[in-house]
């Protein structure tokens, strides 16, 4: 879930048009306010290359650690039913 909330917006920033290209509404809604807070957080993370690298290394490190859970039997891994 962490990847869905962090990596997807990072990639969307690359492929989607900027906010200047989209017409904006003068009356912000509740979701617009949440989106603005989210943009502030992401812009802080993505403003500098150094922060981007730290962020991506952290995400992939956490992903790698979770892949090790079945190996160390932290979680029970069963692909086929018995």
C-alpha atoms as a PDB file:
ATOM      1  CA  UNK A   1       0.000   0.000   0.000  1.00  0.00           C
ATOM      2  CA  UNK A   2       2.928   2.294   0.684  1.00  0.00           C
ATOM      3  CA  UNK A   3       4.045   1.863  -2.914  1.00  0.00           C
ATOM      4  CA  UNK A   4       0.573   2.719  -4.184  1.00  0.00           C
ATOM      5  CA  UNK A   5       0.532   5.982  -2.258  1.00  0.00           C
ATOM      6  CA  UNK A   6       4.123   7.032  -2.913  1.00  0.00           C
ATOM      7  CA  UNK A   7       5.501   5.524  -6.131  1.00  0.00           C
ATOM      8  CA  UNK A   8       2.353   5.988  -8.239  1.00  0.00           C
ATOM      9  CA  UNK A   9       2.199   9.777  -7.690  1.00  0.00           C
ATOM     10  CA  UNK A  10       5.924   9.985  -8.364  1.00  0.00           C
ATOM     11  CA  UNK A  11       5.426   8.305 -11.747  1.00  0.00           C
ATOM     12  CA  UNK A  12       2.219  10.251 -12.431  1.00  0.00           C
ATOM     13  CA  UNK A  13       4.154  13.479 -12.008  1.00  0.00           C
ATOM     14  CA  UNK A  14       6.331  12.400 -14.887  1.00  0.00           C
ATOM     15  CA  UNK A  15       3.547  11.330 -17.275  1.00  0.00           C
ATOM     16  CA  UNK A  16       0.537  13.529 -16.473  1.00  0.00           C
ATOM     17  CA  UNK A  17       0.115  17.191 -17.474  1.00  0.00           C
ATOM     18  CA  UNK A  18       0.921  19.864 -14.931  1.00  0.00           C
ATOM     19  CA  UNK A  19      -1.677  21.731 -12.908  1.00  0.00           C
ATOM     20  CA  UNK A  20      -1.185  24.839 -15.056  1.00  0.00           C
ATOM     21  CA  UNK A  21      -2.460  22.955 -18.094  1.00  0.00           C
ATOM     22  CA  UNK A  22      -5.671  21.930 -16.338  1.00  0.00           C
ATOM     23  CA  UNK A  23      -8.396  24.490 -15.600  1.00  0.00           C
ATOM     24  CA  UNK A  24      -8.829  24.954 -11.882  1.00  0.00           C
ATOM     25  CA  UNK A  25     -12.021  25.577  -9.918  1.00  0.00           C
ATOM     26  CA  UNK A  26     -12.216  28.728  -7.764  1.00  0.00           C
ATOM     27  CA  UNK A  27     -14.151  26.996  -4.954  1.00  0.00           C
ATOM     28  CA  UNK A  28     -11.895  24.355  -3.399  1.00  0.00           C
ATOM     29  CA  UNK A  29     -13.670  21.290  -2.068  1.00  0.00           C
ATOM     30  CA  UNK A  30     -12.667  19.038   0.811  1.00  0.00           C
ATOM     31  CA  UNK A  31     -10.826  16.753  -1.596  1.00  0.00           C
ATOM     32  CA  UNK A  32      -9.006  19.702  -3.152  1.00  0.00           C
ATOM     33  CA  UNK A  33      -7.692  20.648   0.276  1.00  0.00           C
ATOM     34  CA  UNK A  34      -6.503  17.092   0.877  1.00  0.00           C
ATOM     35  CA  UNK A  35      -4.911  17.026  -2.565  1.00  0.00           C
ATOM     36  CA  UNK A  36      -3.093  20.293  -1.853  1.00  0.00           C
ATOM     37  CA  UNK A  37      -1.634  18.876   1.383  1.00  0.00           C
ATOM     38  CA  UNK A  38      -0.612  15.739  -0.498  1.00  0.00           C
ATOM     39  CA  UNK A  39       1.067  17.837  -3.200  1.00  0.00           C
ATOM     40  CA  UNK A  40       3.022  19.724  -0.548  1.00  0.00           C
ATOM     41  CA  UNK A  41       4.293  16.480   0.954  1.00  0.00           C
ATOM     42  CA  UNK A  42       5.233  15.034  -2.424  1.00  0.00           C
ATOM     43  CA  UNK A  43       6.842  18.235  -3.637  1.00  0.00           C
ATOM     44  CA  UNK A  44       8.994  18.233  -0.501  1.00  0.00           C
ATOM     45  CA  UNK A  45      10.100  14.673  -1.276  1.00  0.00           C
ATOM     46  CA  UNK A  46      10.584  15.168  -4.996  1.00  0.00           C
ATOM     47  CA  UNK A  47      12.112  18.650  -5.148  1.00  0.00           C
ATOM     48  CA  UNK A  48      15.730  17.534  -4.987  1.00  0.00           C
ATOM     49  CA  UNK A  49      17.412  14.506  -6.572  1.00  0.00           C
ATOM     50  CA  UNK A  50      19.000  13.573  -3.253  1.00  0.00           C
ATOM     51  CA  UNK A  51      15.593  13.288  -1.551  1.00  0.00           C
ATOM     52  CA  UNK A  52      14.246  11.312  -4.513  1.00  0.00           C
ATOM     53  CA  UNK A  53      17.069   8.799  -4.248  1.00  0.00           C
ATOM     54  CA  UNK A  54      16.654   8.426  -0.495  1.00  0.00           C
ATOM     55  CA  UNK A  55      12.916   7.988  -0.953  1.00  0.00           C
ATOM     56  CA  UNK A  56      13.275   5.311  -3.661  1.00  0.00           C
ATOM     57  CA  UNK A  57      15.994   3.444  -1.748  1.00  0.00           C
ATOM     58  CA  UNK A  58      13.763   3.448   1.330  1.00  0.00           C
ATOM     59  CA  UNK A  59      10.750   2.163  -0.612  1.00  0.00           C
ATOM     60  CA  UNK A  60      12.668  -0.632  -2.303  1.00  0.00           C
ATOM     61  CA  UNK A  61      14.429  -1.565   0.939  1.00  0.00           C
ATOM     62  CA  UNK A  62      11.094  -1.948   2.709  1.00  0.00           C
ATOM     63  CA  UNK A  63       9.792  -3.966  -0.244  1.00  0.00           C
ATOM     64  CA  UNK A  64      12.840  -6.246  -0.128  1.00  0.00           C
ATOM     65  CA  UNK A  65      12.464  -6.747   3.620  1.00  0.00           C
ATOM     66  CA  UNK A  66       8.803  -7.737   3.200  1.00  0.00           C
ATOM     67  CA  UNK A  67       9.816 -10.282   0.558  1.00  0.00           C
ATOM     68  CA  UNK A  68      12.076 -11.863   3.181  1.00  0.00           C
ATOM     69  CA  UNK A  69       9.203 -12.420   5.643  1.00  0.00           C
ATOM     70  CA  UNK A  70       8.240 -15.874   4.255  1.00  0.00           C
ATOM     71  CA  UNK A  71      11.898 -16.929   4.162  1.00  0.00           C
ATOM     72  CA  UNK A  72      12.343 -16.230   7.863  1.00  0.00           C
ATOM     73  CA  UNK A  73       8.858 -17.589   8.626  1.00  0.00           C
ATOM     74  CA  UNK A  74       7.608 -14.297   9.992  1.00  0.00           C
ATOM     75  CA  UNK A  75       4.454 -14.892   7.962  1.00  0.00           C
ATOM     76  CA  UNK A  76       3.035 -18.209   6.837  1.00  0.00           C
ATOM     77  CA  UNK A  77       3.372 -18.534   3.057  1.00  0.00           C
ATOM     78  CA  UNK A  78       1.125 -21.014   1.291  1.00  0.00           C
ATOM     79  CA  UNK A  79       0.488 -20.827  -2.460  1.00  0.00           C
ATOM     80  CA  UNK A  80      -1.570 -23.978  -2.924  1.00  0.00           C
ATOM     81  CA  UNK A  81      -4.362 -25.224  -0.683  1.00  0.00           C
ATOM     82  CA  UNK A  82      -3.788 -28.524   1.123  1.00  0.00           C
END
